[in-house]
Each structure stands twice: as C-alpha cells, then as structure tokens.
C-alpha atoms as a PDB file:
ATOM      1  CA  UNK A   1      53.512-121.677  -5.415  1.00  0.00           C
ATOM      2  CA  UNK A   2      54.751-123.270  -2.202  1.00  0.00           C
ATOM      3  CA  UNK A   3      53.538-121.857   1.066  1.00  0.00           C
ATOM      4  CA  UNK A   4      55.134-122.537   4.420  1.00  0.00           C
ATOM      5  CA  UNK A   5      53.194-124.342   7.125  1.00  0.00           C
ATOM      6  CA  UNK A   6      54.292-124.751  10.734  1.00  0.00           C
ATOM      7  CA  UNK A   7      53.189-127.466  13.160  1.00  0.00           C
ATOM      8  CA  UNK A   8      51.843-125.820  16.308  1.00  0.00           C
ATOM      9  CA  UNK A   9      52.884-128.837  18.379  1.00  0.00           C
ATOM     10  CA  UNK A  10      56.555-129.321  17.471  1.00  0.00           C
ATOM     11  CA  UNK A  11      57.388-126.282  15.311  1.00  0.00           C
ATOM     12  CA  UNK A  12      58.279-128.291  12.187  1.00  0.00           C
ATOM     13  CA  UNK A  13      58.080-126.137   9.052  1.00  0.00           C
ATOM     14  CA  UNK A  14      57.175-127.615   5.683  1.00  0.00           C
ATOM     15  CA  UNK A  15      56.881-126.001   2.265  1.00  0.00           C
ATOM     16  CA  UNK A  16      53.904-127.218   0.177  1.00  0.00           C
ATOM     17  CA  UNK A  17      50.963-126.031  -1.862  1.00  0.00           C
ATOM     18  CA  UNK A  18      48.627-126.952   0.974  1.00  0.00           C
ATOM     19  CA  UNK A  19      48.832-128.127   4.583  1.00  0.00           C
ATOM     20  CA  UNK A  20      50.074-131.729   5.070  1.00  0.00           C
ATOM     21  CA  UNK A  21      47.736-134.448   6.387  1.00  0.00           C
ATOM     22  CA  UNK A  22      50.203-135.500   9.115  1.00  0.00           C
ATOM     23  CA  UNK A  23      53.227-133.761  10.610  1.00  0.00           C
ATOM     24  CA  UNK A  24      56.294-135.601   9.250  1.00  0.00           C
ATOM     25  CA  UNK A  25      58.206-134.810  12.445  1.00  0.00           C
ATOM     26  CA  UNK A  26      55.814-135.547  15.331  1.00  0.00           C
ATOM     27  CA  UNK A  27      52.924-137.360  13.610  1.00  0.00           C
ATOM     28  CA  UNK A  28      49.984-135.203  14.750  1.00  0.00           C
ATOM     29  CA  UNK A  29      47.071-134.612  12.395  1.00  0.00           C
ATOM     30  CA  UNK A  30      47.671-132.008   9.690  1.00  0.00           C
ATOM     31  CA  UNK A  31      44.871-129.748  10.874  1.00  0.00           C
ATOM     32  CA  UNK A  32      47.256-128.549  13.593  1.00  0.00           C
ATOM     33  CA  UNK A  33      49.394-126.822  10.911  1.00  0.00           C
ATOM     34  CA  UNK A  34      49.110-123.085  10.407  1.00  0.00           C
ATOM     35  CA  UNK A  35      50.411-120.895   7.625  1.00  0.00           C
ATOM     36  CA  UNK A  36      53.838-119.556   8.455  1.00  0.00           C
ATOM     37  CA  UNK A  37      55.949-116.702   7.150  1.00  0.00           C
ATOM     38  CA  UNK A  38      59.663-117.245   7.503  1.00  0.00           C
ATOM     39  CA  UNK A  39      61.705-114.460   9.104  1.00  0.00           C
ATOM     40  CA  UNK A  40      64.547-115.094   6.632  1.00  0.00           C
ATOM     41  CA  UNK A  41      64.739-114.276   2.952  1.00  0.00           C
ATOM     42  CA  UNK A  42      63.661-116.874   0.416  1.00  0.00           C
ATOM     43  CA  UNK A  43      67.134-117.029  -1.173  1.00  0.00           C
ATOM     44  CA  UNK A  44      68.851-117.564   2.184  1.00  0.00           C
ATOM     45  CA  UNK A  45      66.242-120.157   3.214  1.00  0.00           C
ATOM     46  CA  UNK A  46      66.845-122.148   0.009  1.00  0.00           C
ATOM     47  CA  UNK A  47      70.564-122.383   0.785  1.00  0.00           C
ATOM     48  CA  UNK A  48      69.870-123.297   4.424  1.00  0.00           C
ATOM     49  CA  UNK A  49      67.440-126.032   3.372  1.00  0.00           C
ATOM     50  CA  UNK A  50      70.245-127.741   1.439  1.00  0.00           C
ATOM     51  CA  UNK A  51      71.745-128.646   4.851  1.00  0.00           C
ATOM     52  CA  UNK A  52      75.217-128.775   3.312  1.00  0.00           C
ATOM     53  CA  UNK A  53      77.025-128.852   6.643  1.00  0.00           C
ATOM     54  CA  UNK A  54      74.724-131.511   8.080  1.00  0.00           C
ATOM     55  CA  UNK A  55      75.383-133.778   5.111  1.00  0.00           C
ATOM     56  CA  UNK A  56      79.144-133.217   4.956  1.00  0.00           C
ATOM     57  CA  UNK A  57      79.670-133.557   8.717  1.00  0.00           C
ATOM     58  CA  UNK A  58      78.404-137.146   8.657  1.00  0.00           C
ATOM     59  CA  UNK A  59      81.323-138.261   6.455  1.00  0.00           C
ATOM     60  CA  UNK A  60      84.072-137.836   9.075  1.00  0.00           C
ATOM     61  CA  UNK A  61      81.855-139.489  11.690  1.00  0.00           C
ATOM     62  CA  UNK A  62      81.265-142.457   9.382  1.00  0.00           C
ATOM     63  CA  UNK A  63      84.996-142.649   8.649  1.00  0.00           C
ATOM     64  CA  UNK A  64      85.960-142.589  12.329  1.00  0.00           C
ATOM     65  CA  UNK A  65      83.310-145.175  13.208  1.00  0.00           C
ATOM     66  CA  UNK A  66      84.651-147.402  10.421  1.00  0.00           C
ATOM     67  CA  UNK A  67      88.214-146.926  11.695  1.00  0.00           C
ATOM     68  CA  UNK A  68      87.102-147.991  15.155  1.00  0.00           C
ATOM     69  CA  UNK A  69      85.210-151.049  13.909  1.00  0.00           C
ATOM     70  CA  UNK A  70      87.966-152.255  11.551  1.00  0.00           C
ATOM     71  CA  UNK A  71      90.613-151.802  14.270  1.00  0.00           C
ATOM     72  CA  UNK A  72      88.586-153.776  16.799  1.00  0.00           C
ATOM     73  CA  UNK A  73      87.873-156.547  14.291  1.00  0.00           C
ATOM     74  CA  UNK A  74      91.594-156.738  13.402  1.00  0.00           C
ATOM     75  CA  UNK A  75      92.734-156.782  17.033  1.00  0.00           C
ATOM     76  CA  UNK A  76      90.335-159.605  17.961  1.00  0.00           C
ATOM     77  CA  UNK A  77      91.347-161.538  14.836  1.00  0.00           C
ATOM     78  CA  UNK A  78      88.236-161.413  12.642  1.00  0.00           C
ATOM     79  CA  UNK A  79      90.165-159.840   9.769  1.00  0.00           C
ATOM     80  CA  UNK A  80      93.786-160.320   8.764  1.00  0.00           C
ATOM     81  CA  UNK A  81      96.518-157.847   7.842  1.00  0.00           C
ATOM     82  CA  UNK A  82      96.070-158.460   4.107  1.00  0.00           C
ATOM     83  CA  UNK A  83      92.310-157.993   4.180  1.00  0.00           C
ATOM     84  CA  UNK A  84      90.606-155.441   1.962  1.00  0.00           C
ATOM     85  CA  UNK A  85      89.438-153.835   5.219  1.00  0.00           C
ATOM     86  CA  UNK A  86      93.024-152.965   6.122  1.00  0.00           C
ATOM     87  CA  UNK A  87      93.360-151.205   2.758  1.00  0.00           C
ATOM     88  CA  UNK A  88      90.124-149.377   3.519  1.00  0.00           C
ATOM     89  CA  UNK A  89      91.493-148.388   6.919  1.00  0.00           C
ATOM     90  CA  UNK A  90      94.614-146.889   5.362  1.00  0.00           C
ATOM     91  CA  UNK A  91      92.503-145.044   2.784  1.00  0.00           C
ATOM     92  CA  UNK A  92      90.227-143.662   5.501  1.00  0.00           C
ATOM     93  CA  UNK A  93      93.223-142.351   7.446  1.00  0.00           C
ATOM     94  CA  UNK A  94      94.452-140.712   4.218  1.00  0.00           C
ATOM     95  CA  UNK A  95      91.114-139.054   3.370  1.00  0.00           C
ATOM     96  CA  UNK A  96      89.905-138.152   6.890  1.00  0.00           C
ATOM     97  CA  UNK A  97      91.861-134.874   7.328  1.00  0.00           C
ATOM     98  CA  UNK A  98      90.509-133.543   4.010  1.00  0.00           C
ATOM     99  CA  UNK A  99      86.937-134.515   4.875  1.00  0.00           C
ATOM    100  CA  UNK A 100      87.291-132.939   8.335  1.00  0.00           C
ATOM    101  CA  UNK A 101      88.591-129.707   6.788  1.00  0.00           C
ATOM    102  CA  UNK A 102      85.679-129.615   4.312  1.00  0.00           C
ATOM    103  CA  UNK A 103      83.185-130.259   7.134  1.00  0.00           C
ATOM    104  CA  UNK A 104      84.713-127.414   9.154  1.00  0.00           C
ATOM    105  CA  UNK A 105      84.562-125.035   6.199  1.00  0.00           C
ATOM    106  CA  UNK A 106      80.929-126.051   5.613  1.00  0.00           C
ATOM    107  CA  UNK A 107      80.256-125.434   9.324  1.00  0.00           C
ATOM    108  CA  UNK A 108      81.750-121.951   9.143  1.00  0.00           C
ATOM    109  CA  UNK A 109      79.668-121.199   6.040  1.00  0.00           C
ATOM    110  CA  UNK A 110      76.542-122.613   7.700  1.00  0.00           C
ATOM    111  CA  UNK A 111      77.153-120.625  10.907  1.00  0.00           C
ATOM    112  CA  UNK A 112      77.633-117.395   8.959  1.00  0.00           C
ATOM    113  CA  UNK A 113      74.507-118.103   6.928  1.00  0.00           C
ATOM    114  CA  UNK A 114      72.306-119.096   9.885  1.00  0.00           C
ATOM    115  CA  UNK A 115      73.501-116.669  12.527  1.00  0.00           C
ATOM    116  CA  UNK A 116      75.326-114.053  10.413  1.00  0.00           C
ATOM    117  CA  UNK A 117      78.412-114.519  12.616  1.00  0.00           C
ATOM    118  CA  UNK A 118      80.527-117.319  14.038  1.00  0.00           C
ATOM    119  CA  UNK A 119      81.739-115.771  17.286  1.00  0.00           C
ATOM    120  CA  UNK A 120      78.878-116.979  19.481  1.00  0.00           C
ATOM    121  CA  UNK A 121      79.837-119.238  22.432  1.00  0.00           C
ATOM    122  CA  UNK A 122      78.522-122.461  20.852  1.00  0.00           C
ATOM    123  CA  UNK A 123      80.025-121.734  17.458  1.00  0.00           C
ATOM    124  CA  UNK A 124      83.390-120.898  19.057  1.00  0.00           C
ATOM    125  CA  UNK A 125      83.325-124.235  20.920  1.00  0.00           C
ATOM    126  CA  UNK A 126      82.446-126.060  17.711  1.00  0.00           C
ATOM    127  CA  UNK A 127      85.274-124.344  15.858  1.00  0.00           C
ATOM    128  CA  UNK A 128      87.836-125.207  18.545  1.00  0.00           C
ATOM    129  CA  UNK A 129      86.664-128.834  18.636  1.00  0.00           C
ATOM    130  CA  UNK A 130      86.685-129.026  14.827  1.00  0.00           C
ATOM    131  CA  UNK A 131      90.261-127.700  14.725  1.00  0.00           C
ATOM    132  CA  UNK A 132      91.269-130.266  17.344  1.00  0.00           C
ATOM    133  CA  UNK A 133      89.550-132.995  15.272  1.00  0.00           C
ATOM    134  CA  UNK A 134      91.530-131.870  12.210  1.00  0.00           C
ATOM    135  CA  UNK A 135      94.783-131.799  14.181  1.00  0.00           C
ATOM    136  CA  UNK A 136      94.254-135.316  15.557  1.00  0.00           C
ATOM    137  CA  UNK A 137      93.294-136.692  12.143  1.00  0.00           C
ATOM    138  CA  UNK A 138      96.382-135.091  10.540  1.00  0.00           C
ATOM    139  CA  UNK A 139      98.615-136.506  13.284  1.00  0.00           C
ATOM    140  CA  UNK A 140      97.234-140.002  12.592  1.00  0.00           C
ATOM    141  CA  UNK A 141      97.918-139.456   8.888  1.00  0.00           C
ATOM    142  CA  UNK A 142     101.530-138.477   9.739  1.00  0.00           C
ATOM    143  CA  UNK A 143     101.950-141.585  11.911  1.00  0.00           C
ATOM    144  CA  UNK A 144     100.586-143.805   9.143  1.00  0.00           C
ATOM    145  CA  UNK A 145     102.718-142.408   6.336  1.00  0.00           C
ATOM    146  CA  UNK A 146     105.941-141.354   8.041  1.00  0.00           C
ATOM    147  CA  UNK A 147     106.457-143.981  10.756  1.00  0.00           C
ATOM    148  CA  UNK A 148     107.064-147.637  10.054  1.00  0.00           C
ATOM    149  CA  UNK A 149     104.863-149.267  12.701  1.00  0.00           C
ATOM    150  CA  UNK A 150     104.389-152.990  13.106  1.00  0.00           C
ATOM    151  CA  UNK A 151     100.864-153.959  11.999  1.00  0.00           C
ATOM    152  CA  UNK A 152      99.666-154.843  15.508  1.00  0.00           C
ATOM    153  CA  UNK A 153     101.013-151.539  16.881  1.00  0.00           C
ATOM    154  CA  UNK A 154      99.367-149.689  14.001  1.00  0.00           C
ATOM    155  CA  UNK A 155      96.006-151.309  14.795  1.00  0.00           C
ATOM    156  CA  UNK A 156      96.219-150.239  18.425  1.00  0.00           C
ATOM    157  CA  UNK A 157      97.247-146.693  17.456  1.00  0.00           C
ATOM    158  CA  UNK A 158      94.311-146.407  15.033  1.00  0.00           C
ATOM    159  CA  UNK A 159      91.947-147.771  17.690  1.00  0.00           C
ATOM    160  CA  UNK A 160      93.154-145.200  20.237  1.00  0.00           C
ATOM    161  CA  UNK A 161      92.932-142.364  17.710  1.00  0.00           C
ATOM    162  CA  UNK A 162      89.432-143.416  16.625  1.00  0.00           C
ATOM    163  CA  UNK A 163      88.305-143.379  20.269  1.00  0.00           C
ATOM    164  CA  UNK A 164      89.795-139.885  20.707  1.00  0.00           C
ATOM    165  CA  UNK A 165      88.146-138.682  17.484  1.00  0.00           C
ATOM    166  CA  UNK A 166      84.779-140.115  18.523  1.00  0.00           C
ATOM    167  CA  UNK A 167      85.277-138.338  21.853  1.00  0.00           C
ATOM    168  CA  UNK A 168      85.739-135.056  19.988  1.00  0.00           C
ATOM    169  CA  UNK A 169      82.851-135.735  17.592  1.00  0.00           C
ATOM    170  CA  UNK A 170      80.379-136.369  20.416  1.00  0.00           C
ATOM    171  CA  UNK A 171      80.354-132.833  21.869  1.00  0.00           C
ATOM    172  CA  UNK A 172      80.453-131.435  18.322  1.00  0.00           C
ATOM    173  CA  UNK A 173      77.240-133.323  17.566  1.00  0.00           C
ATOM    174  CA  UNK A 174      75.620-132.375  20.870  1.00  0.00           C
ATOM    175  CA  UNK A 175      76.323-128.685  20.339  1.00  0.00           C
ATOM    176  CA  UNK A 176      75.157-128.935  16.727  1.00  0.00           C
ATOM    177  CA  UNK A 177      71.919-130.563  17.864  1.00  0.00           C
ATOM    178  CA  UNK A 178      71.292-127.720  20.284  1.00  0.00           C
ATOM    179  CA  UNK A 179      71.939-125.183  17.542  1.00  0.00           C
ATOM    180  CA  UNK A 180      69.303-126.807  15.342  1.00  0.00           C
ATOM    181  CA  UNK A 181      66.726-125.842  17.948  1.00  0.00           C
ATOM    182  CA  UNK A 182      67.731-122.181  17.865  1.00  0.00           C
ATOM    183  CA  UNK A 183      65.899-119.555  15.894  1.00  0.00           C
ATOM    184  CA  UNK A 184      67.577-118.165  12.806  1.00  0.00           C
ATOM    185  CA  UNK A 185      67.961-114.420  12.822  1.00  0.00           C
ATOM    186  CA  UNK A 186      66.206-112.542  10.013  1.00  0.00           C
END
C-alpha cells in the first residue's frame, strides 16, 4: 500500500511504499521526508492528482504561442501564404475557442474540487480572464470565417490577437501558480 511522504524542506508530497532517496522537487536527501496524512479524502486526492485542468490549460497556451510564431514568420517572409503553416494557423483559430471553453470548464471543476467553491477572489479573477480569453478567441474565429481579409491584413490581425491572448494568459498562469501553493481544504 502506498503511504504519503512529505519533504520537510519544500513541502512536496509523494505517494510510495517507502520514503524516496531524493526529493524530486528540491533535490534534498530522502531522509528529510516524513510520513504525511493528507487532509483530503483518498478519492478526492486521486482526482486532484490527475491534474486535468493543468494539462488541458496548456493546449490554448500552445495554440496561441503557435499563432504568434506563425504570424511573425509570415510577416517577415520566412513562410508563404500557401505554406502548410498557414493551414495550421487557420485550424488553430478554428479550434482555439473550443479548447479555451474546455480549459475553463476544467478550471471550474478543479476549483470546486480543490476549494469546494469558485467564488474566492483569485478564482473569480481567473474566471473573468478565462471568459475574456474565450470572447477574444471567438471574435478572431468570426473575423477569420466571416470577413474576407487580404492575407497580409489577416496575418497582422492574428498577430495582434495572439499578443492580446498571451496578455490574458499571463495573469491566468500567474494566479494559477499562486493557487498551487495554497492548501486544499479537507
């Protein structure tokens, strides 16, 4: 049966049969670990350890970063309008709103699971920013599919939108990072 061990230096918790030789997080010798009893139920901890939201939230960030990079490379002339990258860019703009919605839903689920509510100040900020991210990504989708823009204009629009989306994603990530340091209520 797996026991939980907690590093006394950094607080990292690991589930194993016996104490690890080295802390995977901070690298101190394993003798610093102590047995730990989690304040949350085993069933809830198993779901939390899946890190569903953390995994899903990286997809929109990867998409937006790719949009930015492809737009810059097109504007400076490294790729042409008929390149496979331009097809990828259009596909990313098509898929991004759906991925952002799924990441937001996963965030709501994760917040409810971790904190048993989503009306805390940080979670409210994250929800507002996530809704704004969804709105901006949907508006880019509308521009792409309902307006006939010249290719060079389209590239500039996508570049501007990707910068805005990265600007929204940055505080989302910063708040999320702070929430990882918080204690989960029992």
